[in-house]
Amino acid sequence: MPLGSNAYEEMKLQSVSSHPLGAAAVPAPELLCIFGTGDLGRSLGLRLLQSGYGVVYGSRRPHSCGPLPEGAQVMTHAAAAQSASLVFICVHREHYGFLETLAPHLEGKVLVDLSNNLKKGVYPEANAAYLQRLVPGAAVVKGLNTLSAWALQNGLLAGKQVFLCGNSAEAKQAVGAMATKLGLTVQDRGTLSAARELEDFPLRLFQEWRLPLRVAVGLIAFFFFYLLIRDVIYAAVEQEKDISYRIMIALANKVFPIVSLIMLSLCYLPGVIAAVLQLYRGTKYRRFPDWLDRWMLCRKQMGLVALGLAFLHAIYTFIIPIRYAVRHKLISRVVDEMKDNLTTPFYFDKTEAWGTDSFFVLGILGFFLYVLLGLTSLPSVGATLSWREFSFVQSKLGHLTLFICTAHGYIYGWNKFLRPSTYKWYTPPGYMLCLIVPSVVLVLKFLLLLPCVDKTLTRIRQGWERTQPKEEMVMTKATNM
């Protein structure tokens, strides 16, 4: 509506008097409303205040709602709703009933639903859909529900991805702009029909860790029983010795490094397979198979599992000298030597000394690079690196780590490969089996670095295309486009 002359003059006088002459006008911060004064509501308000927003809380008991972030206001629900255009709903679905009575005050507002459920399928419809039905005049946006109060309080939001969905593009744009200002990465998941999917995200338990953990547990179980048969059961059957006490330390200290090396090689094997596929296809713009895509997405988790097993191997190795069985064996050897001949000196094998020292040095260097790879995979550390630096550490140093750890395994058995006693019941020892996968990865990586490999794969692809019928060729080219 057009303003009258008196009203215009009054507004002009007020605007002049509110800013003294010579002082810069400081714009008032945008005011945002939060319904809910629990842990999530307080943490969200603190983060919004730190990002330059004004915050007003809506509460049933404005004068006794507990401590709130400094600088925030608290009002009744109706007054708080009228003061802001963006309202965050930080209450459980069970308490949404009061919002229906506030529907006239929430007309035209943007409501951000942050609620989650304790279980899947508790309600017939999504919380955001239920909220939209209660307040039909508002634009409901489901989002930010994957953020925890702890992450908001500690500021661990940089680069973190959040999901939004809603029926209003303008409302999603407003919420997305606010989330970007908080340092979040926003992904639009479409209309409000995707709200149930977003509400189920926090209920997923180690979703990205399931495949790496299953692989690790399967490998640990296989090698544990494999070495149990070769070492403990073989000694009991063939040599009539009871060495079952080795299960706790000695046997575990063989399983952990074996699985760790295999898991590390599985981090780099999908990259080699992807490179071969790209060279064979002659393009890098075709989508990988689903199994390879899923494998590549969980390489970080595989690497961290491998690092954890390497840590266990290092700890177990440190406690070997203090074990009773080891101390008893050393004392027995000294006593036997003294009984046989006191003047006979111990024979010093220089080859064995070189091999042992090389074995330990490679183990130490490999473990150091292991830890370096693990540290750079952390978001707080990786964010400080450029893409080139991060790629150098994870790719170049990663393959160097795999090479050193594989050499560590080869030196461990360098003088045992040809001994008949090594193959108990005609089975190879565990360390030989664990060298297969990393050796294949390193050989394939080396071959991919050779310029002749690209030409060879191109010729294979061209030869395959020549052998195809013309109809299949047309269909293949159509699918590649």
Protein backbone atom coordinates (compact mmCIF):
# COMPACT_ATOMS: atom_id res chain seq x y z
CA MET A 1 0.00 0.00 0.00
CA PRO A 2 1.33 3.53 -0.71
CA LEU A 3 2.32 5.52 2.33
CA GLY A 4 0.80 8.89 3.15
CA SER A 5 2.97 12.00 3.34
CA ASN A 6 2.81 12.19 7.16
CA ALA A 7 3.71 8.54 7.58
CA TYR A 8 6.58 8.92 5.10
CA GLU A 9 7.98 11.93 6.97
CA GLU A 10 7.68 10.09 10.29
CA MET A 11 9.61 7.07 8.91
CA LYS A 12 12.26 9.39 7.45
CA LEU A 13 12.75 11.15 10.79
CA GLN A 14 12.98 7.83 12.61
CA SER A 15 15.56 6.48 10.17
CA VAL A 16 17.67 9.63 10.52
CA SER A 17 17.55 9.68 14.29
CA SER A 18 18.44 5.99 14.65
CA HIS A 19 21.87 6.45 13.03
CA PRO A 20 24.02 9.36 14.25
CA LEU A 21 25.69 11.52 11.64
CA GLY A 22 29.11 10.17 10.63
CA ALA A 23 28.42 6.63 11.93
CA ALA A 24 28.00 3.72 9.51
CA ALA A 25 24.58 2.10 9.56
CA VAL A 26 24.88 -1.46 10.85
CA PRO A 27 22.18 -3.67 9.32
CA ALA A 28 20.16 -5.67 11.80
CA PRO A 29 20.86 -9.40 11.62
CA GLU A 30 18.24 -11.60 10.05
CA LEU A 31 16.01 -13.03 12.76
CA LEU A 32 15.34 -16.76 12.84
CA CYS A 33 12.88 -18.57 15.08
CA ILE A 34 13.39 -21.87 16.89
CA PHE A 35 10.60 -23.89 18.48
CA GLY A 36 12.17 -26.08 21.16
CA THR A 37 14.67 -25.28 23.92
CA GLY A 38 16.20 -28.72 24.32
CA ASP A 39 19.78 -29.72 23.49
CA LEU A 40 19.24 -29.56 19.73
CA GLY A 41 17.41 -26.24 19.84
CA ARG A 42 20.04 -24.60 22.07
CA SER A 43 22.92 -25.96 19.98
CA LEU A 44 21.34 -24.81 16.74
CA GLY A 45 20.67 -21.36 18.20
CA LEU A 46 24.28 -21.04 19.36
CA ARG A 47 25.54 -21.93 15.90
CA LEU A 48 23.17 -19.48 14.21
CA LEU A 49 24.26 -16.68 16.54
CA GLN A 50 27.91 -17.42 15.77
CA SER A 51 27.08 -17.20 12.06
CA GLY A 52 25.63 -13.71 12.37
CA TYR A 53 21.91 -14.46 12.66
CA GLY A 54 19.51 -13.22 15.30
CA VAL A 55 17.70 -15.97 17.20
CA VAL A 56 14.36 -15.94 18.96
CA TYR A 57 13.03 -18.98 20.80
CA GLY A 58 9.39 -19.91 21.06
CA SER A 59 8.52 -21.61 24.33
CA ARG A 60 5.46 -22.57 26.35
CA ARG A 61 7.18 -21.14 29.43
CA PRO A 62 9.27 -18.16 28.25
CA HIS A 63 10.33 -17.24 31.79
CA SER A 64 11.40 -20.71 32.94
CA CYS A 65 12.78 -22.52 29.89
CA GLY A 66 16.31 -23.01 31.17
CA PRO A 67 19.62 -21.50 30.00
CA LEU A 68 19.76 -20.30 26.40
CA PRO A 69 22.66 -19.01 24.27
CA GLU A 70 23.76 -15.49 25.09
CA GLY A 71 22.17 -12.97 22.73
CA ALA A 72 19.05 -15.01 21.99
CA GLN A 73 15.51 -13.85 22.80
CA VAL A 74 12.70 -15.99 24.15
CA MET A 75 8.98 -15.38 23.63
CA THR A 76 5.75 -17.27 23.43
CA HIS A 77 5.24 -19.44 20.39
CA ALA A 78 2.83 -16.99 18.78
CA ALA A 79 5.04 -13.95 19.30
CA ALA A 80 8.17 -15.76 18.13
CA ALA A 81 6.43 -17.06 15.00
CA GLN A 82 5.33 -13.55 14.03
CA SER A 83 8.86 -12.15 14.39
CA ALA A 84 10.61 -14.40 11.84
CA SER A 85 9.91 -15.86 8.44
CA LEU A 86 12.02 -19.01 8.97
CA VAL A 87 11.03 -21.30 11.85
CA PHE A 88 12.99 -24.37 12.99
CA ILE A 89 10.90 -27.12 14.56
CA CYS A 90 13.17 -28.80 17.15
CA VAL A 91 10.54 -30.81 19.00
CA HIS A 92 9.46 -34.42 18.72
CA ARG A 93 6.55 -35.41 16.53
CA GLU A 94 4.51 -36.32 19.62
CA HIS A 95 4.43 -32.61 20.58
CA TYR A 96 3.37 -31.24 17.19
CA GLY A 97 -0.20 -30.73 18.41
CA PHE A 98 0.36 -27.12 19.52
CA LEU A 99 1.42 -26.17 15.97
CA GLU A 100 -2.12 -26.69 14.72
CA THR A 101 -3.37 -23.93 17.01
CA LEU A 102 -0.58 -21.66 15.71
CA ALA A 103 -1.55 -22.22 12.07
CA PRO A 104 -2.81 -18.61 11.58
CA HIS A 105 0.51 -17.22 12.88
CA LEU A 106 2.54 -19.61 10.68
CA GLU A 107 0.74 -18.68 7.48
CA GLY A 108 3.34 -18.08 4.73
CA LYS A 109 6.25 -19.08 6.97
CA VAL A 110 8.97 -21.59 6.13
CA LEU A 111 9.02 -24.43 8.65
CA VAL A 112 12.19 -26.54 8.86
CA ASP A 113 11.45 -29.96 10.34
CA LEU A 114 14.51 -31.40 12.14
CA SER A 115 12.73 -34.31 13.81
CA ASN A 116 13.71 -37.99 13.63
CA ASN A 117 12.15 -41.20 14.86
CA LEU A 118 13.63 -43.88 17.10
CA LYS A 119 12.59 -46.70 14.75
CA LYS A 120 11.54 -47.14 11.15
CA GLY A 121 7.86 -47.44 10.31
CA VAL A 122 6.56 -46.08 13.62
CA TYR A 123 4.10 -43.74 11.89
CA PRO A 124 2.15 -44.21 8.66
CA GLU A 125 3.48 -40.96 7.19
CA ALA A 126 6.67 -38.94 7.46
CA ASN A 127 6.96 -36.36 10.23
CA ALA A 128 7.36 -33.55 7.68
CA ALA A 129 4.24 -34.67 5.79
CA TYR A 130 2.31 -34.73 9.07
CA LEU A 131 3.59 -31.25 9.88
CA GLN A 132 2.50 -29.96 6.47
CA ARG A 133 -0.96 -31.40 7.08
CA LEU A 134 -1.18 -29.62 10.45
CA VAL A 135 -0.05 -26.27 9.00
CA PRO A 136 -1.20 -26.26 5.36
CA GLY A 137 -0.53 -22.54 4.92
CA ALA A 138 3.21 -22.91 5.65
CA ALA A 139 5.99 -24.24 3.43
CA VAL A 140 7.52 -27.25 5.19
CA VAL A 141 11.11 -28.22 4.41
CA LYS A 142 12.63 -31.41 5.77
CA GLY A 143 16.31 -30.95 6.49
CA LEU A 144 19.24 -30.64 8.91
CA ASN A 145 17.94 -33.74 10.72
CA THR A 146 21.29 -35.50 10.28
CA LEU A 147 23.04 -32.89 12.46
CA SER A 148 23.59 -33.75 16.11
CA ALA A 149 23.64 -31.32 19.00
CA TRP A 150 27.26 -32.27 19.68
CA ALA A 151 28.35 -31.42 16.12
CA LEU A 152 26.54 -28.08 16.26
CA GLN A 153 28.11 -27.14 19.59
CA ASN A 154 31.64 -28.02 18.54
CA GLY A 155 31.41 -26.44 15.12
CA LEU A 156 32.16 -29.66 13.21
CA LEU A 157 30.11 -28.62 10.18
CA ALA A 158 32.64 -27.58 7.53
CA GLY A 159 31.90 -29.54 4.38
CA LYS A 160 29.34 -31.76 6.08
CA GLN A 161 26.54 -32.75 3.72
CA VAL A 162 22.90 -32.21 4.64
CA PHE A 163 19.78 -33.08 2.69
CA LEU A 164 16.69 -31.00 2.01
CA CYS A 165 13.32 -31.80 0.54
CA GLY A 166 10.13 -29.81 0.20
CA ASN A 167 7.37 -28.80 -2.20
CA SER A 168 8.39 -25.13 -2.36
CA ALA A 169 11.52 -24.28 -4.34
CA GLU A 170 11.69 -20.81 -2.75
CA ALA A 171 11.53 -22.30 0.76
CA LYS A 172 14.28 -24.80 -0.02
CA GLN A 173 16.39 -22.01 -1.48
CA ALA A 174 16.04 -19.98 1.72
CA VAL A 175 16.97 -22.93 3.93
CA GLY A 176 19.83 -23.86 1.61
CA ALA A 177 21.28 -20.34 1.78
CA MET A 178 21.17 -20.46 5.57
CA ALA A 179 22.82 -23.92 5.64
CA THR A 180 25.56 -22.79 3.27
CA LYS A 181 26.31 -19.87 5.56
CA LEU A 182 26.79 -22.39 8.38
CA GLY A 183 29.45 -24.13 6.28
CA LEU A 184 27.28 -27.05 5.21
CA THR A 185 27.01 -28.67 1.79
CA VAL A 186 23.38 -28.92 0.69
CA GLN A 187 21.85 -31.60 -1.52
CA ASP A 188 18.28 -31.20 -2.74
CA ARG A 189 16.37 -34.50 -2.64
CA GLY A 190 13.21 -33.25 -4.31
CA THR A 191 9.70 -32.92 -2.97
CA LEU A 192 8.34 -33.68 0.47
CA SER A 193 7.68 -37.27 -0.60
CA ALA A 194 11.37 -37.96 0.10
CA ALA A 195 10.98 -36.92 3.75
CA ARG A 196 10.67 -40.47 5.06
CA GLU A 197 13.94 -41.41 3.37
CA LEU A 198 15.67 -38.43 5.00
CA GLU A 199 14.20 -39.33 8.39
CA ASP A 200 15.62 -42.85 8.06
CA PHE A 201 19.18 -41.61 7.40
CA PRO A 202 20.09 -41.18 11.10
CA LEU A 203 18.81 -44.70 11.81
CA ARG A 204 21.41 -46.28 9.56
CA LEU A 205 24.09 -48.01 11.61
CA PHE A 206 27.56 -47.91 10.04
CA GLN A 207 26.07 -47.90 6.56
CA GLU A 208 29.39 -47.20 4.82
CA TRP A 209 31.29 -49.52 7.15
CA ARG A 210 29.24 -52.66 6.63
CA LEU A 211 31.09 -54.00 3.59
CA PRO A 212 34.62 -53.30 4.96
CA LEU A 213 33.73 -54.79 8.35
CA ARG A 214 32.18 -57.87 6.77
CA VAL A 215 35.26 -58.41 4.61
CA ALA A 216 37.59 -57.88 7.59
CA VAL A 217 35.62 -60.20 9.89
CA GLY A 218 35.45 -62.86 7.17
CA LEU A 219 39.20 -62.69 6.55
CA ILE A 220 39.98 -62.75 10.28
CA ALA A 221 37.77 -65.81 10.81
CA PHE A 222 39.26 -67.63 7.80
CA PHE A 223 42.89 -67.02 8.71
CA PHE A 224 42.31 -67.67 12.39
CA PHE A 225 40.93 -71.16 11.77
CA TYR A 226 43.44 -71.75 8.97
CA LEU A 227 46.40 -70.96 11.24
CA LEU A 228 44.77 -72.78 14.14
CA ILE A 229 44.77 -75.96 12.07
CA ARG A 230 48.30 -75.44 10.71
CA ASP A 231 49.97 -74.46 13.97
CA VAL A 232 48.08 -75.71 17.00
CA ILE A 233 46.22 -78.77 15.70
CA TYR A 234 49.17 -79.87 13.55
CA ALA A 235 51.49 -79.75 16.57
CA ALA A 236 49.02 -81.74 18.66
CA VAL A 237 48.50 -84.43 16.00
CA GLU A 238 51.92 -84.80 14.38
CA GLN A 239 54.27 -83.76 17.19
CA GLU A 240 52.10 -84.49 20.24
CA LYS A 241 52.73 -81.01 21.62
CA ASP A 242 50.20 -78.80 23.36
CA ILE A 243 50.85 -75.23 22.19
CA SER A 244 47.30 -74.00 22.62
CA TYR A 245 48.64 -71.16 24.79
CA ARG A 246 49.82 -69.49 21.56
CA ILE A 247 46.26 -68.80 20.46
CA MET A 248 45.89 -65.63 22.53
CA ILE A 249 49.04 -63.75 21.42
CA ALA A 250 51.16 -65.57 18.84
CA LEU A 251 48.28 -66.73 16.64
CA ALA A 252 46.46 -63.39 16.83
CA ASN A 253 49.70 -61.57 15.98
CA LYS A 254 49.82 -63.54 12.75
CA VAL A 255 46.19 -62.95 11.81
CA PHE A 256 46.16 -59.18 12.33
CA PRO A 257 49.04 -58.26 9.98
CA ILE A 258 47.83 -60.72 7.34
CA VAL A 259 44.33 -59.23 7.22
CA SER A 260 45.72 -55.68 7.50
CA LEU A 261 47.90 -56.13 4.41
CA ILE A 262 45.04 -57.67 2.42
CA MET A 263 42.66 -54.86 3.42
CA LEU A 264 45.23 -52.25 2.41
CA SER A 265 45.67 -53.89 -0.99
CA LEU A 266 41.87 -53.99 -1.38
CA CYS A 267 41.90 -50.19 -1.06
CA TYR A 268 43.98 -49.86 -4.24
CA LEU A 269 42.76 -52.84 -6.23
CA PRO A 270 39.48 -51.17 -7.38
CA GLY A 271 41.46 -48.19 -8.66
CA VAL A 272 43.56 -50.52 -10.80
CA ILE A 273 40.45 -52.30 -12.09
CA ALA A 274 38.83 -48.95 -12.89
CA ALA A 275 41.93 -47.82 -14.81
CA VAL A 276 41.93 -51.03 -16.85
CA LEU A 277 38.23 -50.56 -17.67
CA GLN A 278 38.78 -46.98 -18.75
CA LEU A 279 41.70 -47.92 -20.98
CA TYR A 280 39.78 -50.81 -22.47
CA ARG A 281 36.69 -48.71 -23.14
CA GLY A 282 38.72 -45.81 -24.45
CA THR A 283 36.85 -43.28 -22.32
CA LYS A 284 36.56 -42.23 -18.68
CA TYR A 285 32.99 -40.97 -18.95
CA ARG A 286 31.20 -44.29 -18.81
CA ARG A 287 29.78 -45.39 -15.48
CA PHE A 288 31.51 -48.17 -13.59
CA PRO A 289 29.62 -51.36 -12.70
CA ASP A 290 27.61 -51.08 -9.48
CA TRP A 291 29.81 -53.52 -7.57
CA LEU A 292 32.95 -51.56 -8.49
CA ASP A 293 31.29 -48.25 -7.69
CA ARG A 294 30.27 -49.50 -4.26
CA TRP A 295 33.73 -50.93 -3.68
CA MET A 296 35.42 -47.61 -4.51
CA LEU A 297 33.09 -45.69 -2.21
CA CYS A 298 34.17 -47.68 0.85
CA ARG A 299 37.95 -47.57 0.27
CA LYS A 300 38.44 -45.07 3.08
CA GLN A 301 36.72 -47.35 5.56
CA MET A 302 38.78 -50.32 4.36
CA GLY A 303 41.95 -48.33 4.89
CA LEU A 304 40.96 -47.33 8.41
CA VAL A 305 40.14 -50.95 9.28
CA ALA A 306 43.56 -51.93 7.92
CA LEU A 307 45.19 -49.22 10.04
CA GLY A 308 43.40 -50.48 13.16
CA LEU A 309 44.64 -54.02 12.55
CA ALA A 310 48.16 -52.67 11.99
CA PHE A 311 47.94 -50.92 15.36
CA LEU A 312 46.96 -54.21 17.00
CA HIS A 313 49.90 -55.93 15.31
CA ALA A 314 52.30 -53.27 16.63
CA ILE A 315 50.94 -53.54 20.18
CA TYR A 316 51.04 -57.34 20.15
CA THR A 317 54.62 -57.24 18.85
CA PHE A 318 55.71 -54.96 21.69
CA ILE A 319 54.45 -57.34 24.38
CA ILE A 320 56.09 -60.45 22.91
CA PRO A 321 59.32 -60.14 24.98
CA ILE A 322 57.39 -60.02 28.27
CA ARG A 323 55.37 -63.14 27.61
CA TYR A 324 56.04 -66.03 29.96
CA ALA A 325 56.50 -68.51 27.09
CA VAL A 326 59.16 -66.34 25.43
CA ARG A 327 61.07 -65.66 28.66
CA HIS A 328 60.99 -69.35 29.57
CA LYS A 329 62.30 -70.32 26.12
CA LEU A 330 65.20 -67.86 26.31
CA ILE A 331 66.21 -68.95 29.81
CA SER A 332 66.00 -72.60 28.80
CA ARG A 333 68.31 -72.02 25.83
CA VAL A 334 70.89 -70.30 28.05
CA VAL A 335 70.74 -73.06 30.64
CA ASP A 336 71.08 -75.79 27.98
CA GLU A 337 74.06 -74.00 26.43
CA MET A 338 75.76 -73.76 29.81
CA LYS A 339 75.16 -77.45 30.49
CA ASP A 340 76.60 -78.56 27.14
CA ASN A 341 79.71 -76.39 26.95
CA LEU A 342 80.46 -73.20 28.81
CA THR A 343 83.23 -72.10 26.45
CA THR A 344 81.41 -72.54 23.12
CA PRO A 345 80.58 -69.06 21.73
CA PHE A 346 77.26 -68.37 20.07
CA TYR A 347 77.44 -68.38 16.28
CA PHE A 348 76.65 -64.97 14.77
CA ASP A 349 74.85 -65.20 11.42
CA LYS A 350 75.33 -61.94 9.52
CA THR A 351 72.78 -62.88 6.88
CA GLU A 352 70.18 -63.46 9.56
CA ALA A 353 71.13 -60.15 11.19
CA TRP A 354 70.69 -58.26 7.91
CA GLY A 355 67.39 -59.96 7.25
CA THR A 356 66.07 -59.27 10.75
CA ASP A 357 67.09 -55.61 10.71
CA SER A 358 65.63 -55.10 7.24
CA PHE A 359 62.41 -56.78 8.38
CA PHE A 360 62.06 -54.43 11.36
CA VAL A 361 62.99 -51.29 9.40
CA LEU A 362 60.43 -51.99 6.70
CA GLY A 363 57.82 -52.72 9.37
CA ILE A 364 58.51 -49.40 11.12
CA LEU A 365 58.48 -47.39 7.88
CA GLY A 366 55.32 -49.13 6.70
CA PHE A 367 53.55 -48.45 9.99
CA PHE A 368 54.62 -44.78 9.89
CA LEU A 369 53.19 -44.35 6.40
CA TYR A 370 50.09 -46.26 7.50
CA VAL A 371 49.48 -43.69 10.24
CA LEU A 372 50.17 -40.83 7.83
CA LEU A 373 47.53 -42.15 5.42
CA GLY A 374 45.05 -42.52 8.28
CA LEU A 375 45.62 -38.98 9.52
CA THR A 376 45.15 -37.39 6.10
CA SER A 377 41.88 -39.26 5.64
CA LEU A 378 40.40 -37.37 8.61
CA PRO A 379 38.18 -34.48 7.43
CA SER A 380 39.86 -31.96 9.74
CA VAL A 381 43.31 -32.80 8.30
CA GLY A 382 42.26 -33.38 4.71
CA ALA A 383 40.54 -29.97 4.63
CA THR A 384 43.92 -28.27 5.13
CA LEU A 385 45.42 -29.97 2.06
CA SER A 386 44.97 -29.02 -1.56
CA TRP A 387 43.57 -31.63 -3.91
CA ARG A 388 47.03 -32.22 -5.38
CA GLU A 389 48.55 -32.72 -1.93
CA PHE A 390 45.75 -35.02 -0.83
CA SER A 391 46.01 -37.04 -4.05
CA PHE A 392 49.77 -37.34 -3.64
CA VAL A 393 49.48 -38.67 -0.10
CA GLN A 394 46.61 -41.08 -0.76
CA SER A 395 47.84 -42.34 -4.14
CA LYS A 396 51.64 -42.07 -4.34
CA LEU A 397 52.40 -42.59 -0.67
CA GLY A 398 49.58 -45.13 -0.48
CA HIS A 399 51.16 -47.35 -3.11
CA LEU A 400 54.55 -46.81 -1.46
CA THR A 401 53.04 -48.00 1.82
CA LEU A 402 51.65 -51.07 0.12
CA PHE A 403 55.03 -51.79 -1.49
CA ILE A 404 56.95 -51.44 1.80
CA CYS A 405 54.48 -53.57 3.75
CA THR A 406 54.55 -56.23 1.03
CA ALA A 407 58.36 -56.22 1.11
CA HIS A 408 58.09 -56.55 4.89
CA GLY A 409 56.15 -59.78 4.34
CA TYR A 410 58.54 -61.11 1.71
CA ILE A 411 61.58 -60.56 3.93
CA TYR A 412 59.80 -62.33 6.77
CA GLY A 413 59.73 -65.54 4.74
CA TRP A 414 62.68 -65.03 2.38
CA ASN A 415 64.49 -68.14 3.66
CA LYS A 416 61.38 -70.24 4.29
CA PHE A 417 59.74 -70.50 0.87
CA LEU A 418 61.72 -73.58 -0.20
CA ARG A 419 61.75 -75.42 3.10
CA PRO A 420 59.58 -78.56 3.10
CA SER A 421 58.85 -78.01 6.80
CA THR A 422 57.14 -74.73 5.93
CA TYR A 423 54.25 -76.54 4.22
CA LYS A 424 52.52 -78.34 7.08
CA TRP A 425 50.02 -80.85 5.73
CA TYR A 426 50.95 -79.51 2.27
CA THR A 427 49.41 -76.11 3.04
CA PRO A 428 51.26 -72.80 2.59
CA PRO A 429 51.72 -70.54 5.60
CA GLY A 430 49.42 -67.58 6.10
CA TYR A 431 51.98 -64.94 5.19
CA MET A 432 52.36 -66.52 1.72
CA LEU A 433 48.64 -66.33 1.10
CA CYS A 434 48.43 -62.71 2.19
CA LEU A 435 51.14 -61.69 -0.30
CA ILE A 436 49.06 -62.75 -3.31
CA VAL A 437 46.63 -59.82 -3.48
CA PRO A 438 49.14 -56.99 -2.79
CA SER A 439 51.61 -58.50 -5.26
CA VAL A 440 48.91 -58.58 -7.95
CA VAL A 441 47.98 -54.95 -7.23
CA LEU A 442 51.58 -53.76 -7.40
CA VAL A 443 52.30 -55.66 -10.61
CA LEU A 444 49.15 -54.33 -12.29
CA LYS A 445 49.93 -50.79 -11.15
CA PHE A 446 53.43 -51.09 -12.59
CA LEU A 447 52.09 -52.39 -15.88
CA LEU A 448 49.60 -49.53 -16.12
CA LEU A 449 52.48 -47.07 -15.88
CA LEU A 450 54.05 -48.55 -19.01
CA PRO A 451 53.04 -46.71 -22.21
CA CYS A 452 52.72 -49.94 -24.19
CA VAL A 453 49.82 -51.16 -22.04
CA ASP A 454 47.49 -48.44 -23.31
CA LYS A 455 48.22 -49.42 -26.90
CA THR A 456 47.73 -53.12 -26.15
CA LEU A 457 44.31 -52.57 -24.54
CA THR A 458 43.29 -50.33 -27.44
CA ARG A 459 44.20 -53.07 -29.91
CA ILE A 460 42.24 -55.63 -27.87
CA ARG A 461 39.20 -53.39 -27.88
CA GLN A 462 39.47 -52.75 -31.61
CA GLY A 463 39.85 -56.46 -32.29
CA TRP A 464 36.79 -57.21 -30.17
CA GLU A 465 34.79 -54.61 -32.09
CA ARG A 466 35.80 -56.18 -35.41
CA THR A 467 34.57 -59.61 -34.32
CA GLN A 468 31.16 -58.28 -33.30
CA PRO A 469 28.24 -58.43 -35.76
CA LYS A 470 27.30 -55.10 -37.27
CA GLU A 471 23.95 -55.00 -35.42
CA GLU A 472 25.63 -55.50 -32.03
CA MET A 473 28.19 -52.84 -32.89
CA VAL A 474 25.44 -50.29 -33.53
CA MET A 475 23.74 -51.15 -30.23
CA THR A 476 27.04 -50.96 -28.34
CA LYS A 477 27.89 -47.56 -29.76
CA ALA A 478 24.37 -46.34 -28.97
CA THR A 479 24.74 -47.36 -25.33
CA ASN A 480 28.12 -45.64 -25.12
CA MET A 481 26.70 -42.34 -26.28
